[in-house]
C-alpha atoms as a PDB file:
ATOM      1  CA  TYR A   1     107.100 126.563 -15.426  1.00  0.00           C
ATOM      2  CA  GLU A   2     105.467 124.323 -18.292  1.00  0.00           C
ATOM      3  CA  PRO A   3     101.970 121.866 -17.611  1.00  0.00           C
ATOM      4  CA  CYS A   4     101.917 118.141 -18.404  1.00  0.00           C
ATOM      5  CA  LEU A   5      99.164 117.202 -16.366  1.00  0.00           C
ATOM      6  CA  ALA A   6      97.734 120.395 -15.659  1.00  0.00           C
ATOM      7  CA  GLU A   7      96.763 123.021 -17.637  1.00  0.00           C
ATOM      8  CA  SER A   8      96.612 125.414 -14.533  1.00  0.00           C
ATOM      9  CA  TRP A   9      97.391 126.540 -11.224  1.00  0.00           C
ATOM     10  CA  SER A  10      96.584 129.405  -8.420  1.00  0.00           C
ATOM     11  CA  ALA A  11      97.275 130.084  -5.067  1.00  0.00           C
ATOM     12  CA  ASN A  12      95.625 131.534  -2.560  1.00  0.00           C
ATOM     13  CA  ALA A  13      96.935 135.278  -1.202  1.00  0.00           C
ATOM     14  CA  ASP A  14      99.580 133.494   1.672  1.00  0.00           C
ATOM     15  CA  ASN A  15     100.527 130.681  -1.045  1.00  0.00           C
ATOM     16  CA  SER A  16      98.896 128.293   2.023  1.00  0.00           C
ATOM     17  CA  VAL A  17      96.464 126.637  -0.297  1.00  0.00           C
ATOM     18  CA  TRP A  18      97.565 125.156  -4.026  1.00  0.00           C
ATOM     19  CA  THR A  19      94.571 124.584  -6.739  1.00  0.00           C
ATOM     20  CA  PHE A  20      95.816 122.386 -10.026  1.00  0.00           C
ATOM     21  CA  ARG A  21      93.525 122.131 -12.705  1.00  0.00           C
ATOM     22  CA  LEU A  22      93.949 118.912 -14.666  1.00  0.00           C
ATOM     23  CA  ARG A  23      93.917 118.559 -18.289  1.00  0.00           C
ATOM     24  CA  GLU A  24      90.933 116.477 -19.575  1.00  0.00           C
ATOM     25  CA  GLY A  25      91.669 113.102 -21.957  1.00  0.00           C
ATOM     26  CA  VAL A  26      94.808 111.845 -19.987  1.00  0.00           C
ATOM     27  CA  SER A  27      95.295 108.040 -19.910  1.00  0.00           C
ATOM     28  CA  PHE A  28      97.775 105.982 -17.759  1.00  0.00           C
ATOM     29  CA  HIS A  29      99.542 103.442 -20.140  1.00  0.00           C
ATOM     30  CA  ASP A  30      96.618 100.491 -19.606  1.00  0.00           C
ATOM     31  CA  GLY A  31      93.829 103.759 -20.297  1.00  0.00           C
ATOM     32  CA  THR A  32      92.436 104.024 -17.063  1.00  0.00           C
ATOM     33  CA  PRO A  33      91.598 107.970 -17.272  1.00  0.00           C
ATOM     34  CA  PHE A  34      94.011 110.017 -15.025  1.00  0.00           C
ATOM     35  CA  ASP A  35      91.771 112.369 -12.923  1.00  0.00           C
ATOM     36  CA  ALA A  36      92.198 113.718  -9.391  1.00  0.00           C
ATOM     37  CA  ASP A  37      91.572 110.765  -7.304  1.00  0.00           C
ATOM     38  CA  ALA A  38      94.021 109.442  -9.682  1.00  0.00           C
ATOM     39  CA  ALA A  39      96.740 112.002  -8.729  1.00  0.00           C
ATOM     40  CA  LYS A  40      95.768 112.480  -5.385  1.00  0.00           C
ATOM     41  CA  ALA A  41      95.892 108.299  -4.254  1.00  0.00           C
ATOM     42  CA  SER A  42      99.643 109.327  -6.284  1.00  0.00           C
ATOM     43  CA  PHE A  43     100.050 111.405  -3.992  1.00  0.00           C
ATOM     44  CA  GLU A  44      99.287 109.664  -1.110  1.00  0.00           C
ATOM     45  CA  ARG A  45     101.189 106.448  -1.512  1.00  0.00           C
ATOM     46  CA  VAL A  46     104.523 108.768  -2.335  1.00  0.00           C
ATOM     47  CA  LEU A  47     104.409 110.395   1.362  1.00  0.00           C
ATOM     48  CA  ALA A  48     103.171 107.335   3.145  1.00  0.00           C
ATOM     49  CA  LEU A  49     105.667 104.597   1.543  1.00  0.00           C
ATOM     50  CA  GLY A  50     108.194 107.865   1.773  1.00  0.00           C
ATOM     51  CA  LEU A  51     109.164 107.465  -2.008  1.00  0.00           C
ATOM     52  CA  GLY A  52     110.502 109.316  -4.589  1.00  0.00           C
ATOM     53  CA  PRO A  53     110.364 113.166  -3.559  1.00  0.00           C
ATOM     54  CA  SER A  54     108.647 111.849  -0.734  1.00  0.00           C
ATOM     55  CA  GLN A  55     111.289 114.650   1.341  1.00  0.00           C
ATOM     56  CA  VAL A  56     110.291 117.391  -1.066  1.00  0.00           C
ATOM     57  CA  LEU A  57     106.753 117.655  -0.727  1.00  0.00           C
ATOM     58  CA  ALA A  58     106.961 116.783   2.499  1.00  0.00           C
ATOM     59  CA  ARG A  59     107.657 120.086   3.189  1.00  0.00           C
ATOM     60  CA  PHE A  60     104.363 121.376   1.834  1.00  0.00           C
ATOM     61  CA  VAL A  61     101.831 119.151   2.770  1.00  0.00           C
ATOM     62  CA  ALA A  62     103.045 116.721   5.019  1.00  0.00           C
ATOM     63  CA  ASP A  63      99.726 115.562   6.072  1.00  0.00           C
ATOM     64  CA  PRO A  64      97.786 113.179   3.043  1.00  0.00           C
ATOM     65  CA  ALA A  65      94.687 114.834   4.380  1.00  0.00           C
ATOM     66  CA  ALA A  66      95.379 118.065   3.149  1.00  0.00           C
ATOM     67  CA  ILE A  67      95.502 116.955  -0.134  1.00  0.00           C
ATOM     68  CA  ALA A  68      91.717 117.526  -1.600  1.00  0.00           C
ATOM     69  CA  ALA A  69      89.998 116.471  -5.122  1.00  0.00           C
ATOM     70  CA  PRO A  70      86.821 118.189  -5.303  1.00  0.00           C
ATOM     71  CA  ASP A  71      86.233 117.370  -8.887  1.00  0.00           C
ATOM     72  CA  ARG A  72      87.618 115.073 -11.592  1.00  0.00           C
ATOM     73  CA  ARG A  73      89.938 117.647 -12.550  1.00  0.00           C
ATOM     74  CA  THR A  74      90.527 119.236  -9.182  1.00  0.00           C
ATOM     75  CA  LEU A  75      93.102 118.829  -6.995  1.00  0.00           C
ATOM     76  CA  VAL A  76      93.875 120.879  -3.817  1.00  0.00           C
ATOM     77  CA  PHE A  77      96.739 120.844  -1.539  1.00  0.00           C
ATOM     78  CA  ASP A  78      96.220 122.368   1.857  1.00  0.00           C
END
């Protein structure tokens, strides 16, 4: 896999928690910065509305509460 918005990712020993380190300097078309809060909100919206790849995502993260943004460049799926 070649990362686009994440510069790296890792999993814990049993692959139940995945941590993504997001790239610096990425912005949306309107100039709004892309950060972990924006990514978290996007995944939460996809799950809540059942849009796009929600069925695939829900196999791994069924509850939006399992997505965390501990800092602006880190996104965690538990």
